[in-house]
Amino acid sequence: MASRIHSTADVSPDATIGEGSQIWHWVQVREGARIGRDCRIGKDAYIDADVILGDGCKVQNFATIYKGVTIGDRVFVGPHACFTNDLYPRADSTGWEIVPTHVEDGASIGANATILCGVTVGRSAMVAAGAVVTKDVPAHALVAGVPARIIGWVCECGRPLDARNWCAHDRKTVSIPARRLPRKPVSKGKRRRT
């Protein structure tokens, strides 16, 4: 099946668009970008130069994916999600350096999430809406907050796993090496006298 590119989209002739991919209104795809097969790129998304998207990805409206980002297969990028690519951004910087970021197969990035450069979002991980990811996210982890922290674990289907790594929806156990939730802080309040 041929790819479909809306007439308002600005797709560089030096970009590669896979078969069956759909690029919607006002999308910009820069030179050297590679978009896999059967991807859907929503309205007003920005795909920077040399970005790589695997097969079967869905990039929602207004998402921005900057140079240095590599995204695996079947990845969901929610509306207004933003990937950065410079650790020390300044408008007048002469020492700008791209720091690579990786999103592994099957991961999901929630709406309005920000992914700082230099991290890896693991296979089938889920980044909650509005989260700010500042460090690597393990496979199957559910992260939320600012900065993002692990709050649970998810199946390939995205639903939460119980304490035994069981997904009630898919009715299967998911193998997760070294599954750990962060410790809750100990209250340092005043002790009661007895």
N, C-alpha and C. Protein backbone atom coordinates (compact mmCIF):
# COMPACT_ATOMS: atom_id res chain seq x y z
N MET A 1 0.84 -1.17 0.00
CA MET A 1 0.00 0.00 0.00
C MET A 1 0.89 1.25 0.00
N ALA A 2 0.58 2.20 -0.83
CA ALA A 2 1.36 3.43 -0.93
C ALA A 2 1.15 4.30 0.30
N SER A 3 2.15 5.14 0.61
CA SER A 3 2.00 6.08 1.70
C SER A 3 1.07 7.22 1.26
N ARG A 4 0.46 7.89 2.25
CA ARG A 4 -0.42 9.02 1.97
C ARG A 4 0.14 10.25 2.67
N ILE A 5 0.37 11.31 1.92
CA ILE A 5 0.91 12.54 2.48
C ILE A 5 -0.05 13.67 2.13
N HIS A 6 -0.59 14.32 3.16
CA HIS A 6 -1.55 15.41 2.95
C HIS A 6 -0.87 16.55 2.19
N SER A 7 -1.64 17.25 1.39
CA SER A 7 -1.09 18.31 0.54
C SER A 7 -0.46 19.46 1.34
N THR A 8 -0.89 19.65 2.60
CA THR A 8 -0.32 20.74 3.41
C THR A 8 0.95 20.33 4.13
N ALA A 9 1.28 19.05 4.14
CA ALA A 9 2.48 18.57 4.84
C ALA A 9 3.73 19.02 4.09
N ASP A 10 4.79 19.28 4.84
CA ASP A 10 6.08 19.68 4.27
C ASP A 10 7.06 18.53 4.52
N VAL A 11 7.18 17.65 3.54
CA VAL A 11 8.04 16.47 3.66
C VAL A 11 9.24 16.64 2.73
N SER A 12 10.43 16.63 3.31
CA SER A 12 11.64 16.79 2.52
C SER A 12 11.77 15.67 1.50
N PRO A 13 12.23 15.98 0.30
CA PRO A 13 12.47 14.92 -0.69
C PRO A 13 13.60 13.99 -0.25
N ASP A 14 14.38 14.42 0.74
CA ASP A 14 15.46 13.60 1.27
C ASP A 14 15.04 12.76 2.48
N ALA A 15 13.76 12.78 2.82
CA ALA A 15 13.23 11.92 3.89
C ALA A 15 12.74 10.62 3.26
N THR A 16 12.68 9.57 4.06
CA THR A 16 12.17 8.27 3.59
C THR A 16 10.89 7.96 4.34
N ILE A 17 9.83 7.69 3.59
CA ILE A 17 8.53 7.38 4.17
C ILE A 17 8.16 5.97 3.76
N GLY A 18 7.92 5.08 4.74
CA GLY A 18 7.60 3.69 4.47
C GLY A 18 6.22 3.49 3.88
N GLU A 19 6.04 2.34 3.24
CA GLU A 19 4.76 1.99 2.64
C GLU A 19 3.64 1.98 3.68
N GLY A 20 2.50 2.49 3.29
CA GLY A 20 1.32 2.47 4.14
C GLY A 20 1.29 3.54 5.21
N SER A 21 2.33 4.36 5.30
CA SER A 21 2.35 5.43 6.32
C SER A 21 1.48 6.59 5.88
N GLN A 22 0.88 7.27 6.88
CA GLN A 22 0.00 8.40 6.63
C GLN A 22 0.55 9.63 7.34
N ILE A 23 0.69 10.70 6.59
CA ILE A 23 1.21 11.96 7.14
C ILE A 23 0.13 13.01 6.92
N TRP A 24 -0.36 13.59 8.04
CA TRP A 24 -1.53 14.44 7.98
C TRP A 24 -1.20 15.92 7.88
N HIS A 25 -2.22 16.75 8.07
CA HIS A 25 -2.16 18.20 7.86
C HIS A 25 -0.99 18.86 8.58
N TRP A 26 -0.28 19.72 7.88
CA TRP A 26 0.73 20.62 8.42
C TRP A 26 1.89 19.94 9.13
N VAL A 27 2.11 18.68 8.88
CA VAL A 27 3.26 17.96 9.44
C VAL A 27 4.51 18.43 8.71
N GLN A 28 5.63 18.53 9.45
CA GLN A 28 6.91 18.79 8.80
C GLN A 28 7.84 17.61 9.07
N VAL A 29 8.39 17.04 8.00
CA VAL A 29 9.37 15.95 8.09
C VAL A 29 10.63 16.44 7.40
N ARG A 30 11.72 16.53 8.16
CA ARG A 30 12.96 17.12 7.65
C ARG A 30 13.83 16.12 6.90
N GLU A 31 14.88 16.63 6.27
CA GLU A 31 15.80 15.85 5.47
C GLU A 31 16.46 14.74 6.31
N GLY A 32 16.60 13.59 5.69
CA GLY A 32 17.26 12.46 6.34
C GLY A 32 16.40 11.69 7.32
N ALA A 33 15.20 12.21 7.64
CA ALA A 33 14.30 11.47 8.54
C ALA A 33 13.87 10.19 7.86
N ARG A 34 13.71 9.13 8.66
CA ARG A 34 13.25 7.84 8.14
C ARG A 34 12.04 7.39 8.93
N ILE A 35 10.92 7.32 8.27
CA ILE A 35 9.67 6.88 8.89
C ILE A 35 9.34 5.51 8.32
N GLY A 36 9.12 4.55 9.22
CA GLY A 36 8.88 3.17 8.81
C GLY A 36 7.54 2.95 8.14
N ARG A 37 7.22 1.68 7.94
CA ARG A 37 5.96 1.29 7.31
C ARG A 37 4.79 1.44 8.28
N ASP A 38 3.62 1.76 7.73
CA ASP A 38 2.36 1.78 8.47
C ASP A 38 2.38 2.70 9.70
N CYS A 39 3.05 3.83 9.60
CA CYS A 39 3.04 4.83 10.67
C CYS A 39 1.95 5.85 10.40
N ARG A 40 1.48 6.49 11.47
CA ARG A 40 0.51 7.57 11.35
C ARG A 40 1.08 8.79 12.07
N ILE A 41 1.27 9.86 11.33
CA ILE A 41 1.83 11.09 11.89
C ILE A 41 0.73 12.14 11.89
N GLY A 42 0.31 12.57 13.09
CA GLY A 42 -0.83 13.47 13.25
C GLY A 42 -0.54 14.92 12.92
N LYS A 43 -1.60 15.68 12.81
CA LYS A 43 -1.58 17.09 12.44
C LYS A 43 -0.54 17.89 13.23
N ASP A 44 0.21 18.72 12.51
CA ASP A 44 1.18 19.66 13.09
C ASP A 44 2.34 19.01 13.83
N ALA A 45 2.58 17.73 13.64
CA ALA A 45 3.76 17.11 14.26
C ALA A 45 5.02 17.58 13.55
N TYR A 46 6.14 17.55 14.27
CA TYR A 46 7.43 17.95 13.71
C TYR A 46 8.41 16.81 13.88
N ILE A 47 8.95 16.33 12.76
CA ILE A 47 9.94 15.25 12.75
C ILE A 47 11.23 15.87 12.19
N ASP A 48 12.22 16.04 13.05
CA ASP A 48 13.45 16.75 12.69
C ASP A 48 14.35 15.91 11.77
N ALA A 49 15.40 16.54 11.29
CA ALA A 49 16.38 15.89 10.42
C ALA A 49 16.96 14.65 11.09
N ASP A 50 17.08 13.59 10.31
CA ASP A 50 17.75 12.34 10.71
C ASP A 50 17.05 11.57 11.82
N VAL A 51 15.85 11.96 12.23
CA VAL A 51 15.08 11.17 13.20
C VAL A 51 14.70 9.84 12.56
N ILE A 52 14.70 8.78 13.37
CA ILE A 52 14.33 7.46 12.88
C ILE A 52 13.10 6.98 13.63
N LEU A 53 12.06 6.62 12.90
CA LEU A 53 10.84 6.01 13.45
C LEU A 53 10.71 4.62 12.87
N GLY A 54 10.48 3.63 13.71
CA GLY A 54 10.29 2.26 13.24
C GLY A 54 8.94 2.06 12.57
N ASP A 55 8.57 0.81 12.38
CA ASP A 55 7.30 0.46 11.75
C ASP A 55 6.14 0.54 12.74
N GLY A 56 4.97 0.89 12.24
CA GLY A 56 3.74 0.84 13.04
C GLY A 56 3.66 1.85 14.15
N CYS A 57 4.36 2.97 14.05
CA CYS A 57 4.33 4.00 15.11
C CYS A 57 3.14 4.94 14.90
N LYS A 58 2.70 5.53 16.00
CA LYS A 58 1.65 6.54 15.94
C LYS A 58 2.17 7.77 16.66
N VAL A 59 2.29 8.88 15.94
CA VAL A 59 2.74 10.15 16.50
C VAL A 59 1.55 11.09 16.43
N GLN A 60 1.09 11.52 17.60
CA GLN A 60 -0.12 12.34 17.68
C GLN A 60 0.15 13.81 17.37
N ASN A 61 -0.92 14.59 17.26
CA ASN A 61 -0.87 16.00 16.90
C ASN A 61 0.10 16.80 17.78
N PHE A 62 0.85 17.69 17.13
CA PHE A 62 1.74 18.65 17.77
C PHE A 62 2.93 18.03 18.51
N ALA A 63 3.19 16.75 18.34
CA ALA A 63 4.39 16.16 18.95
C ALA A 63 5.62 16.71 18.24
N THR A 64 6.71 16.88 18.99
CA THR A 64 7.97 17.36 18.41
C THR A 64 9.07 16.36 18.73
N ILE A 65 9.68 15.86 17.67
CA ILE A 65 10.74 14.85 17.81
C ILE A 65 11.98 15.41 17.12
N TYR A 66 12.99 15.76 17.92
CA TYR A 66 14.15 16.46 17.40
C TYR A 66 15.29 15.52 17.03
N LYS A 67 16.21 16.05 16.24
CA LYS A 67 17.37 15.32 15.75
C LYS A 67 18.07 14.61 16.91
N GLY A 68 18.48 13.37 16.66
CA GLY A 68 19.15 12.58 17.68
C GLY A 68 18.25 11.52 18.30
N VAL A 69 16.95 11.55 17.96
CA VAL A 69 16.00 10.60 18.53
C VAL A 69 15.81 9.42 17.59
N THR A 70 15.88 8.22 18.17
CA THR A 70 15.61 6.98 17.45
C THR A 70 14.46 6.28 18.16
N ILE A 71 13.42 5.97 17.41
CA ILE A 71 12.21 5.36 17.96
C ILE A 71 12.00 4.00 17.30
N GLY A 72 11.74 2.98 18.12
CA GLY A 72 11.55 1.62 17.63
C GLY A 72 10.20 1.40 16.98
N ASP A 73 9.83 0.14 16.86
CA ASP A 73 8.56 -0.26 16.23
C ASP A 73 7.40 -0.14 17.23
N ARG A 74 6.21 0.15 16.70
CA ARG A 74 4.95 0.16 17.45
C ARG A 74 5.00 1.09 18.67
N VAL A 75 5.63 2.22 18.52
CA VAL A 75 5.72 3.21 19.61
C VAL A 75 4.61 4.23 19.45
N PHE A 76 3.98 4.60 20.56
CA PHE A 76 2.96 5.64 20.60
C PHE A 76 3.58 6.90 21.18
N VAL A 77 3.44 8.02 20.48
CA VAL A 77 3.89 9.32 20.98
C VAL A 77 2.67 10.21 21.04
N GLY A 78 2.28 10.59 22.25
CA GLY A 78 1.04 11.32 22.47
C GLY A 78 1.09 12.77 22.02
N PRO A 79 -0.08 13.43 21.98
CA PRO A 79 -0.14 14.82 21.53
C PRO A 79 0.70 15.74 22.41
N HIS A 80 1.39 16.65 21.76
CA HIS A 80 2.22 17.66 22.42
C HIS A 80 3.42 17.08 23.17
N ALA A 81 3.73 15.80 22.99
CA ALA A 81 4.94 15.25 23.61
C ALA A 81 6.15 15.92 22.96
N CYS A 82 7.21 16.08 23.75
CA CYS A 82 8.40 16.78 23.26
C CYS A 82 9.66 16.02 23.64
N PHE A 83 10.51 15.80 22.65
CA PHE A 83 11.84 15.21 22.87
C PHE A 83 12.87 16.33 22.73
N THR A 84 13.81 16.43 23.67
CA THR A 84 14.87 17.42 23.57
C THR A 84 16.12 16.77 23.00
N ASN A 85 17.13 17.59 22.65
CA ASN A 85 18.34 16.99 22.11
C ASN A 85 19.63 17.69 22.52
N ASP A 86 19.59 18.63 23.46
CA ASP A 86 20.78 19.36 23.90
C ASP A 86 20.73 19.51 25.41
N LEU A 87 21.81 19.13 26.11
CA LEU A 87 21.82 19.23 27.57
C LEU A 87 22.01 20.65 28.08
N TYR A 88 22.61 21.51 27.29
CA TYR A 88 22.91 22.88 27.72
C TYR A 88 22.40 23.88 26.70
N PRO A 89 21.09 23.99 26.52
CA PRO A 89 20.55 24.85 25.46
C PRO A 89 20.71 26.34 25.78
N ARG A 90 21.22 27.06 24.81
CA ARG A 90 21.31 28.51 24.86
C ARG A 90 21.05 29.03 23.44
N ALA A 91 20.38 30.15 23.33
CA ALA A 91 20.05 30.70 22.02
C ALA A 91 21.30 31.04 21.21
N ASP A 92 22.37 31.43 21.89
CA ASP A 92 23.58 31.86 21.19
C ASP A 92 24.72 30.85 21.32
N SER A 93 24.41 29.60 21.64
CA SER A 93 25.44 28.59 21.86
C SER A 93 26.18 28.25 20.57
N THR A 94 27.51 28.20 20.67
CA THR A 94 28.31 27.75 19.53
C THR A 94 28.78 26.32 19.74
N GLY A 95 28.59 25.79 20.94
CA GLY A 95 29.03 24.43 21.25
C GLY A 95 27.88 23.43 21.34
N TRP A 96 26.84 23.67 20.54
CA TRP A 96 25.66 22.80 20.56
C TRP A 96 26.04 21.38 20.20
N GLU A 97 25.60 20.43 21.02
CA GLU A 97 25.93 19.03 20.77
C GLU A 97 24.68 18.18 20.94
N ILE A 98 24.37 17.39 19.93
CA ILE A 98 23.20 16.51 19.99
C ILE A 98 23.51 15.32 20.87
N VAL A 99 22.61 15.05 21.81
CA VAL A 99 22.74 13.90 22.71
C VAL A 99 21.64 12.90 22.31
N PRO A 100 22.02 11.68 21.87
CA PRO A 100 21.05 10.71 21.37
C PRO A 100 20.06 10.23 22.44
N THR A 101 18.84 9.97 22.00
CA THR A 101 17.77 9.44 22.83
C THR A 101 17.16 8.25 22.10
N HIS A 102 16.78 7.20 22.85
CA HIS A 102 16.22 5.99 22.25
C HIS A 102 14.91 5.62 22.92
N VAL A 103 13.94 5.24 22.10
CA VAL A 103 12.67 4.71 22.60
C VAL A 103 12.54 3.32 21.99
N GLU A 104 12.46 2.30 22.85
CA GLU A 104 12.45 0.92 22.37
C GLU A 104 11.04 0.47 21.96
N ASP A 105 10.99 -0.66 21.27
CA ASP A 105 9.75 -1.20 20.70
C ASP A 105 8.60 -1.23 21.71
N GLY A 106 7.43 -0.83 21.26
CA GLY A 106 6.20 -0.99 22.03
C GLY A 106 5.99 0.01 23.16
N ALA A 107 6.89 0.97 23.34
CA ALA A 107 6.74 1.94 24.43
C ALA A 107 5.66 2.97 24.08
N SER A 108 5.15 3.65 25.11
CA SER A 108 4.17 4.72 24.92
C SER A 108 4.61 5.96 25.67
N ILE A 109 4.52 7.10 24.99
CA ILE A 109 4.85 8.40 25.57
C ILE A 109 3.55 9.18 25.66
N GLY A 110 3.15 9.55 26.87
CA GLY A 110 1.86 10.20 27.08
C GLY A 110 1.81 11.64 26.61
N ALA A 111 0.60 12.17 26.54
CA ALA A 111 0.37 13.55 26.11
C ALA A 111 1.15 14.52 27.00
N ASN A 112 1.76 15.52 26.37
CA ASN A 112 2.50 16.58 27.07
C ASN A 112 3.70 16.09 27.85
N ALA A 113 4.14 14.87 27.64
CA ALA A 113 5.35 14.39 28.31
C ALA A 113 6.57 15.04 27.66
N THR A 114 7.61 15.22 28.45
CA THR A 114 8.88 15.75 27.95
C THR A 114 9.95 14.70 28.22
N ILE A 115 10.70 14.35 27.18
CA ILE A 115 11.77 13.36 27.30
C ILE A 115 13.08 14.11 27.12
N LEU A 116 13.86 14.23 28.20
CA LEU A 116 15.16 14.89 28.09
C LEU A 116 16.12 14.00 27.33
N CYS A 117 17.05 14.61 26.63
CA CYS A 117 17.96 13.85 25.78
C CYS A 117 18.91 12.99 26.60
N GLY A 118 19.40 11.94 25.94
CA GLY A 118 20.38 11.05 26.56
C GLY A 118 19.79 9.89 27.31
N VAL A 119 18.48 9.72 27.27
CA VAL A 119 17.85 8.62 28.00
C VAL A 119 17.37 7.54 27.03
N THR A 120 17.10 6.37 27.61
CA THR A 120 16.46 5.28 26.87
C THR A 120 15.14 4.96 27.56
N VAL A 121 14.07 4.94 26.80
CA VAL A 121 12.77 4.49 27.30
C VAL A 121 12.63 3.05 26.85
N GLY A 122 12.58 2.12 27.81
CA GLY A 122 12.64 0.70 27.53
C GLY A 122 11.42 0.13 26.83
N ARG A 123 11.60 -1.09 26.37
CA ARG A 123 10.57 -1.84 25.64
C ARG A 123 9.28 -1.92 26.45
N SER A 124 8.18 -1.59 25.82
CA SER A 124 6.83 -1.67 26.39
C SER A 124 6.63 -0.81 27.64
N ALA A 125 7.54 0.14 27.89
CA ALA A 125 7.37 1.06 29.03
C ALA A 125 6.25 2.04 28.72
N MET A 126 5.74 2.69 29.78
CA MET A 126 4.69 3.68 29.61
C MET A 126 5.07 4.93 30.39
N VAL A 127 5.13 6.06 29.68
CA VAL A 127 5.40 7.36 30.29
C VAL A 127 4.06 8.08 30.40
N ALA A 128 3.68 8.43 31.62
CA ALA A 128 2.37 9.05 31.86
C ALA A 128 2.29 10.45 31.26
N ALA A 129 1.08 10.90 31.03
CA ALA A 129 0.84 12.25 30.52
C ALA A 129 1.48 13.27 31.45
N GLY A 130 2.17 14.24 30.87
CA GLY A 130 2.75 15.34 31.64
C GLY A 130 4.03 15.01 32.36
N ALA A 131 4.53 13.78 32.26
CA ALA A 131 5.76 13.40 32.95
C ALA A 131 6.97 14.06 32.31
N VAL A 132 8.01 14.26 33.11
CA VAL A 132 9.29 14.76 32.60
C VAL A 132 10.33 13.68 32.88
N VAL A 133 10.77 13.02 31.81
CA VAL A 133 11.71 11.89 31.94
C VAL A 133 13.13 12.43 31.92
N THR A 134 13.86 12.22 33.03
CA THR A 134 15.22 12.73 33.16
C THR A 134 16.26 11.62 33.23
N LYS A 135 15.80 10.36 33.33
CA LYS A 135 16.73 9.23 33.36
C LYS A 135 16.09 8.03 32.68
N ASP A 136 16.89 6.99 32.44
CA ASP A 136 16.40 5.81 31.73
C ASP A 136 15.16 5.22 32.38
N VAL A 137 14.27 4.72 31.55
CA VAL A 137 13.05 4.05 32.00
C VAL A 137 13.18 2.58 31.65
N PRO A 138 13.14 1.66 32.65
CA PRO A 138 13.28 0.23 32.35
C PRO A 138 12.12 -0.32 31.52
N ALA A 139 12.36 -1.43 30.88
CA ALA A 139 11.30 -2.12 30.13
C ALA A 139 10.12 -2.38 31.05
N HIS A 140 8.92 -2.15 30.54
CA HIS A 140 7.64 -2.41 31.21
C HIS A 140 7.35 -1.49 32.39
N ALA A 141 8.22 -0.50 32.67
CA ALA A 141 7.97 0.41 33.79
C ALA A 141 6.89 1.42 33.43
N LEU A 142 6.10 1.80 34.43
CA LEU A 142 5.16 2.90 34.31
C LEU A 142 5.75 4.05 35.11
N VAL A 143 6.05 5.17 34.43
CA VAL A 143 6.64 6.31 35.13
C VAL A 143 5.71 7.50 35.04
N ALA A 144 5.72 8.32 36.11
CA ALA A 144 4.87 9.51 36.15
C ALA A 144 5.54 10.55 37.02
N GLY A 145 5.16 11.80 36.82
CA GLY A 145 5.61 12.88 37.69
C GLY A 145 6.72 13.72 37.10
N VAL A 146 7.12 14.72 37.91
CA VAL A 146 8.17 15.66 37.52
C VAL A 146 9.16 15.74 38.67
N PRO A 147 10.32 15.13 38.57
CA PRO A 147 10.76 14.26 37.48
C PRO A 147 10.03 12.92 37.54
N ALA A 148 10.02 12.22 36.42
CA ALA A 148 9.31 10.94 36.34
C ALA A 148 9.96 9.89 37.24
N ARG A 149 9.12 9.13 37.94
CA ARG A 149 9.58 8.05 38.80
C ARG A 149 8.73 6.81 38.51
N ILE A 150 9.30 5.64 38.79
CA ILE A 150 8.55 4.40 38.58
C ILE A 150 7.44 4.31 39.61
N ILE A 151 6.21 4.12 39.11
CA ILE A 151 5.07 3.97 40.02
C ILE A 151 4.38 2.63 39.83
N GLY A 152 4.84 1.84 38.87
CA GLY A 152 4.24 0.53 38.63
C GLY A 152 4.87 -0.11 37.40
N TRP A 153 4.23 -1.20 36.96
CA TRP A 153 4.73 -1.97 35.82
C TRP A 153 3.56 -2.33 34.93
N VAL A 154 3.81 -2.41 33.62
CA VAL A 154 2.73 -2.64 32.66
C VAL A 154 3.06 -3.79 31.71
N CYS A 155 2.00 -4.35 31.16
CA CYS A 155 2.08 -5.41 30.16
C CYS A 155 2.33 -4.78 28.78
N GLU A 156 2.57 -5.61 27.78
CA GLU A 156 2.68 -5.11 26.41
C GLU A 156 1.41 -4.38 25.98
N CYS A 157 0.27 -4.77 26.57
CA CYS A 157 -1.00 -4.14 26.22
C CYS A 157 -1.17 -2.78 26.91
N GLY A 158 -0.26 -2.43 27.82
CA GLY A 158 -0.30 -1.15 28.51
C GLY A 158 -1.02 -1.17 29.85
N ARG A 159 -1.68 -2.26 30.16
CA ARG A 159 -2.42 -2.34 31.42
C ARG A 159 -1.49 -2.72 32.57
N PRO A 160 -1.87 -2.33 33.81
CA PRO A 160 -0.98 -2.59 34.95
C PRO A 160 -0.85 -4.07 35.29
N LEU A 161 0.33 -4.41 35.80
CA LEU A 161 0.60 -5.77 36.28
C LEU A 161 0.40 -5.82 37.79
N ASP A 162 -0.01 -6.97 38.30
CA ASP A 162 -0.12 -7.11 39.74
C ASP A 162 1.25 -7.46 40.33
N ALA A 163 1.32 -7.72 41.61
CA ALA A 163 2.60 -7.98 42.30
C ALA A 163 3.32 -9.21 41.77
N ARG A 164 2.59 -10.10 41.09
CA ARG A 164 3.21 -11.32 40.52
C ARG A 164 3.50 -11.16 39.03
N ASN A 165 3.43 -9.93 38.53
CA ASN A 165 3.64 -9.62 37.11
C ASN A 165 2.56 -10.22 36.21
N TRP A 166 1.37 -10.40 36.74
CA TRP A 166 0.24 -10.97 36.01
C TRP A 166 -0.59 -9.85 35.40
N CYS A 167 -0.94 -10.03 34.11
CA CYS A 167 -1.83 -9.09 33.44
C CYS A 167 -3.21 -9.75 33.34
N ALA A 168 -4.19 -9.19 34.03
CA ALA A 168 -5.53 -9.75 34.03
C ALA A 168 -6.19 -9.61 32.66
N HIS A 169 -5.82 -8.57 31.90
CA HIS A 169 -6.42 -8.36 30.58
C HIS A 169 -5.94 -9.41 29.58
N ASP A 170 -4.61 -9.59 29.49
CA ASP A 170 -4.05 -10.55 28.53
C ASP A 170 -3.95 -11.96 29.11
N ARG A 171 -4.21 -12.07 30.41
CA ARG A 171 -4.17 -13.35 31.12
C ARG A 171 -2.83 -14.06 30.94
N LYS A 172 -1.77 -13.29 31.27
CA LYS A 172 -0.43 -13.87 31.18
C LYS A 172 0.49 -13.20 32.18
N THR A 173 1.59 -13.90 32.47
CA THR A 173 2.64 -13.36 33.33
C THR A 173 3.73 -12.77 32.45
N VAL A 174 4.18 -11.58 32.82
CA VAL A 174 5.21 -10.88 32.05
C VAL A 174 6.54 -11.01 32.78
N SER A 175 7.58 -11.36 32.07
CA SER A 175 8.91 -11.49 32.66
C SER A 175 9.57 -10.11 32.77
N ILE A 176 9.83 -9.68 33.99
CA ILE A 176 10.47 -8.39 34.23
C ILE A 176 11.66 -8.61 35.15
N PRO A 177 12.88 -8.48 34.63
CA PRO A 177 14.05 -8.67 35.49
C PRO A 177 14.20 -7.52 36.48
N ALA A 178 14.59 -7.84 37.70
CA ALA A 178 14.91 -6.85 38.74
C ALA A 178 13.83 -5.79 38.91
N ARG A 179 12.60 -6.23 39.02
CA ARG A 179 11.48 -5.30 39.22
C ARG A 179 11.58 -4.69 40.61
N ARG A 180 11.71 -3.37 40.66
CA ARG A 180 11.80 -2.66 41.93
C ARG A 180 11.01 -1.37 41.87
N LEU A 181 10.22 -1.12 42.90
CA LEU A 181 9.56 0.16 43.04
C LEU A 181 10.42 1.00 43.97
N PRO A 182 10.40 2.33 43.82
CA PRO A 182 11.19 3.16 44.72
C PRO A 182 10.68 3.07 46.15
N ARG A 183 11.60 3.21 47.09
CA ARG A 183 11.20 3.21 48.51
C ARG A 183 10.45 4.48 48.83
N LYS A 184 9.48 4.35 49.71
CA LYS A 184 8.76 5.54 50.16
C LYS A 184 9.61 6.22 51.23
N PRO A 185 9.67 7.56 51.21
CA PRO A 185 10.49 8.26 52.20
C PRO A 185 9.94 8.04 53.61
N VAL A 186 10.86 7.91 54.56
CA VAL A 186 10.49 7.74 55.96
C VAL A 186 10.23 9.10 56.55
N SER A 187 9.11 9.24 57.24
CA SER A 187 8.77 10.52 57.85
C SER A 187 9.75 10.84 58.96
N LYS A 188 10.22 12.08 58.97
CA LYS A 188 11.16 12.51 60.01
C LYS A 188 10.48 13.49 60.95
N GLY A 189 9.21 13.24 61.22
CA GLY A 189 8.46 14.09 62.12
C GLY A 189 8.87 13.87 63.57
N LYS A 190 8.29 14.64 64.48
CA LYS A 190 8.62 14.52 65.91
C LYS A 190 8.07 13.22 66.46
N ARG A 191 8.88 12.61 67.35
CA ARG A 191 8.43 11.40 68.03
C ARG A 191 7.58 11.77 69.24
N ARG A 192 6.65 10.92 69.52
CA ARG A 192 5.82 11.13 70.71
C ARG A 192 6.53 10.56 71.92
N ARG A 193 6.49 11.30 73.02
CA ARG A 193 7.07 10.79 74.28
C ARG A 193 6.12 9.80 74.90
N THR A 194 6.69 8.77 75.50
CA THR A 194 5.85 7.79 76.18
C THR A 194 6.09 7.80 77.66
